[in-house]
């Protein structure tokens, strides 16, 4: 999508501190971290939200989770625990209209999330 902030980051138009990249996904550090570890995992193809994922796209979500697992291990949060978050829509707290997973770790989280 032409004006999507995360698409511009994924395409290299806006610089980011990369944590991982392959042909389908970019993971980068959040510029306003909510935890000591806060990485965003974004598909390079635009999906407004998780609601845009169809049956044919299920492998992408699986791949994004695999990347989250890999990064959790590399960033040292897999043993003590971490949180994965996919916000969807305004009431779900989605502030950028592009599907993304937040990988948060390095501190204890409460529930309910807020």
C-alpha atoms as a PDB file:
ATOM      1  CA  UNK A   1       0.000   0.000   0.000  1.00  0.00           C
ATOM      2  CA  UNK A   2       1.399   3.346  -1.067  1.00  0.00           C
ATOM      3  CA  UNK A   3       1.048   5.380   2.158  1.00  0.00           C
ATOM      4  CA  UNK A   4       1.533   2.568   4.687  1.00  0.00           C
ATOM      5  CA  UNK A   5       4.262   3.373   7.217  1.00  0.00           C
ATOM      6  CA  UNK A   6       5.225  -0.274   7.764  1.00  0.00           C
ATOM      7  CA  UNK A   7       5.234  -1.007   4.010  1.00  0.00           C
ATOM      8  CA  UNK A   8       7.658   1.897   3.549  1.00  0.00           C
ATOM      9  CA  UNK A   9       9.862   0.475   6.298  1.00  0.00           C
ATOM     10  CA  UNK A  10       9.658  -3.033   4.797  1.00  0.00           C
ATOM     11  CA  UNK A  11      10.582  -1.642   1.366  1.00  0.00           C
ATOM     12  CA  UNK A  12      13.577   0.242   2.783  1.00  0.00           C
ATOM     13  CA  UNK A  13      12.099   3.701   2.087  1.00  0.00           C
ATOM     14  CA  UNK A  14      12.244   4.511   5.815  1.00  0.00           C
ATOM     15  CA  UNK A  15      15.232   3.297   7.848  1.00  0.00           C
ATOM     16  CA  UNK A  16      14.786   0.900  10.751  1.00  0.00           C
ATOM     17  CA  UNK A  17      16.891  -1.113  13.140  1.00  0.00           C
ATOM     18  CA  UNK A  18      16.412  -4.587  11.703  1.00  0.00           C
ATOM     19  CA  UNK A  19      16.225  -7.700  13.832  1.00  0.00           C
ATOM     20  CA  UNK A  20      15.467 -10.106  10.954  1.00  0.00           C
ATOM     21  CA  UNK A  21      14.671 -10.016   7.250  1.00  0.00           C
ATOM     22  CA  UNK A  22      13.846 -12.496   4.500  1.00  0.00           C
ATOM     23  CA  UNK A  23      11.836 -12.397   1.272  1.00  0.00           C
ATOM     24  CA  UNK A  24       8.436 -12.250   3.006  1.00  0.00           C
ATOM     25  CA  UNK A  25       8.957 -10.697   6.450  1.00  0.00           C
ATOM     26  CA  UNK A  26      10.831  -7.864   8.144  1.00  0.00           C
ATOM     27  CA  UNK A  27      11.315  -7.676  11.904  1.00  0.00           C
ATOM     28  CA  UNK A  28      12.503  -4.389  13.374  1.00  0.00           C
ATOM     29  CA  UNK A  29      12.806  -2.725  16.765  1.00  0.00           C
ATOM     30  CA  UNK A  30       9.901  -0.504  17.812  1.00  0.00           C
ATOM     31  CA  UNK A  31      10.860   3.178  18.082  1.00  0.00           C
ATOM     32  CA  UNK A  32       8.625   3.524  21.179  1.00  0.00           C
ATOM     33  CA  UNK A  33       9.357   0.262  23.026  1.00  0.00           C
ATOM     34  CA  UNK A  34       6.900  -0.885  25.680  1.00  0.00           C
ATOM     35  CA  UNK A  35       9.361  -3.432  27.097  1.00  0.00           C
ATOM     36  CA  UNK A  36      13.139  -3.994  27.096  1.00  0.00           C
ATOM     37  CA  UNK A  37      12.600  -6.200  24.028  1.00  0.00           C
ATOM     38  CA  UNK A  38      10.008  -4.851  21.582  1.00  0.00           C
ATOM     39  CA  UNK A  39      10.241  -6.049  18.005  1.00  0.00           C
ATOM     40  CA  UNK A  40       7.613  -5.716  15.274  1.00  0.00           C
ATOM     41  CA  UNK A  41       7.268  -8.564  12.776  1.00  0.00           C
ATOM     42  CA  UNK A  42       5.706  -7.306   9.543  1.00  0.00           C
ATOM     43  CA  UNK A  43       4.874  -9.051   6.270  1.00  0.00           C
ATOM     44  CA  UNK A  44       6.343  -7.370   3.196  1.00  0.00           C
ATOM     45  CA  UNK A  45       3.005  -7.776   1.421  1.00  0.00           C
ATOM     46  CA  UNK A  46       0.335  -5.385   2.690  1.00  0.00           C
ATOM     47  CA  UNK A  47      -2.501  -6.778   4.796  1.00  0.00           C
ATOM     48  CA  UNK A  48      -4.521  -4.146   6.645  1.00  0.00           C
ATOM     49  CA  UNK A  49      -5.132  -6.499   9.569  1.00  0.00           C
ATOM     50  CA  UNK A  50      -5.315 -10.141  10.541  1.00  0.00           C
ATOM     51  CA  UNK A  51      -8.854 -10.050   9.108  1.00  0.00           C
ATOM     52  CA  UNK A  52      -7.323  -9.828   5.604  1.00  0.00           C
ATOM     53  CA  UNK A  53      -5.584 -13.198   5.973  1.00  0.00           C
ATOM     54  CA  UNK A  54      -7.250 -15.863   3.856  1.00  0.00           C
ATOM     55  CA  UNK A  55      -6.723 -19.627   3.745  1.00  0.00           C
ATOM     56  CA  UNK A  56      -3.989 -19.264   1.131  1.00  0.00           C
ATOM     57  CA  UNK A  57      -2.097 -16.881   3.451  1.00  0.00           C
ATOM     58  CA  UNK A  58      -2.011 -19.151   6.522  1.00  0.00           C
ATOM     59  CA  UNK A  59       1.614 -20.124   5.839  1.00  0.00           C
ATOM     60  CA  UNK A  60       2.578 -16.468   6.260  1.00  0.00           C
ATOM     61  CA  UNK A  61       1.164 -16.327   9.799  1.00  0.00           C
ATOM     62  CA  UNK A  62       2.941 -19.564  10.641  1.00  0.00           C
ATOM     63  CA  UNK A  63       6.197 -18.116   9.301  1.00  0.00           C
ATOM     64  CA  UNK A  64       5.711 -14.946  11.365  1.00  0.00           C
ATOM     65  CA  UNK A  65       5.305 -17.078  14.511  1.00  0.00           C
ATOM     66  CA  UNK A  66       8.440 -19.050  13.605  1.00  0.00           C
ATOM     67  CA  UNK A  67      10.346 -15.759  13.317  1.00  0.00           C
ATOM     68  CA  UNK A  68       8.977 -14.670  16.701  1.00  0.00           C
ATOM     69  CA  UNK A  69      10.257 -17.928  18.229  1.00  0.00           C
ATOM     70  CA  UNK A  70      13.675 -17.473  16.624  1.00  0.00           C
ATOM     71  CA  UNK A  71      13.960 -13.866  17.804  1.00  0.00           C
ATOM     72  CA  UNK A  72      12.750 -14.694  21.321  1.00  0.00           C
ATOM     73  CA  UNK A  73      15.617 -17.192  21.602  1.00  0.00           C
ATOM     74  CA  UNK A  74      18.188 -14.825  20.051  1.00  0.00           C
ATOM     75  CA  UNK A  75      17.105 -11.882  22.220  1.00  0.00           C
ATOM     76  CA  UNK A  76      17.167 -13.921  25.436  1.00  0.00           C
ATOM     77  CA  UNK A  77      13.483 -13.843  26.376  1.00  0.00           C
ATOM     78  CA  UNK A  78      12.382 -17.364  25.440  1.00  0.00           C
ATOM     79  CA  UNK A  79      13.239 -18.944  28.808  1.00  0.00           C
ATOM     80  CA  UNK A  80      11.534 -16.450  31.132  1.00  0.00           C
ATOM     81  CA  UNK A  81       8.633 -15.739  28.793  1.00  0.00           C
ATOM     82  CA  UNK A  82       7.429 -13.123  26.377  1.00  0.00           C
ATOM     83  CA  UNK A  83       4.232 -11.810  24.848  1.00  0.00           C
ATOM     84  CA  UNK A  84       3.076 -11.862  21.233  1.00  0.00           C
ATOM     85  CA  UNK A  85       0.382  -9.324  20.346  1.00  0.00           C
ATOM     86  CA  UNK A  86      -1.635  -8.777  17.173  1.00  0.00           C
ATOM     87  CA  UNK A  87      -3.855  -5.720  17.547  1.00  0.00           C
ATOM     88  CA  UNK A  88      -6.780  -5.572  15.132  1.00  0.00           C
ATOM     89  CA  UNK A  89      -8.868  -2.484  14.415  1.00  0.00           C
ATOM     90  CA  UNK A  90      -9.348   0.690  16.403  1.00  0.00           C
ATOM     91  CA  UNK A  91     -10.934  -0.961  19.446  1.00  0.00           C
ATOM     92  CA  UNK A  92      -8.200  -3.604  19.394  1.00  0.00           C
ATOM     93  CA  UNK A  93      -5.512  -0.927  19.666  1.00  0.00           C
ATOM     94  CA  UNK A  94      -4.171  -1.165  16.105  1.00  0.00           C
ATOM     95  CA  UNK A  95      -2.481   2.175  15.397  1.00  0.00           C
ATOM     96  CA  UNK A  96      -0.831   1.289  12.051  1.00  0.00           C
ATOM     97  CA  UNK A  97      -3.156  -0.300   9.471  1.00  0.00           C
ATOM     98  CA  UNK A  98      -0.756  -3.094   8.488  1.00  0.00           C
ATOM     99  CA  UNK A  99      -0.749  -6.572   9.988  1.00  0.00           C
ATOM    100  CA  UNK A 100       2.105  -6.928  12.471  1.00  0.00           C
ATOM    101  CA  UNK A 101       3.058  -8.958  15.504  1.00  0.00           C
ATOM    102  CA  UNK A 102       4.586  -7.309  18.566  1.00  0.00           C
ATOM    103  CA  UNK A 103       7.214  -9.445  20.301  1.00  0.00           C
ATOM    104  CA  UNK A 104       7.550  -8.070  23.836  1.00  0.00           C
ATOM    105  CA  UNK A 105       9.835  -9.402  26.536  1.00  0.00           C
ATOM    106  CA  UNK A 106      12.380  -8.676  29.202  1.00  0.00           C
ATOM    107  CA  UNK A 107       9.856  -7.768  31.908  1.00  0.00           C
ATOM    108  CA  UNK A 108       6.853  -9.277  33.659  1.00  0.00           C
ATOM    109  CA  UNK A 109       3.461  -8.571  32.082  1.00  0.00           C
ATOM    110  CA  UNK A 110       0.140  -8.452  33.867  1.00  0.00           C
ATOM    111  CA  UNK A 111      -3.346  -9.535  32.835  1.00  0.00           C
ATOM    112  CA  UNK A 112      -5.692  -8.171  31.785  1.00  0.00           C
ATOM    113  CA  UNK A 113      -3.481  -6.331  29.341  1.00  0.00           C
ATOM    114  CA  UNK A 114      -5.244  -3.030  29.822  1.00  0.00           C
END
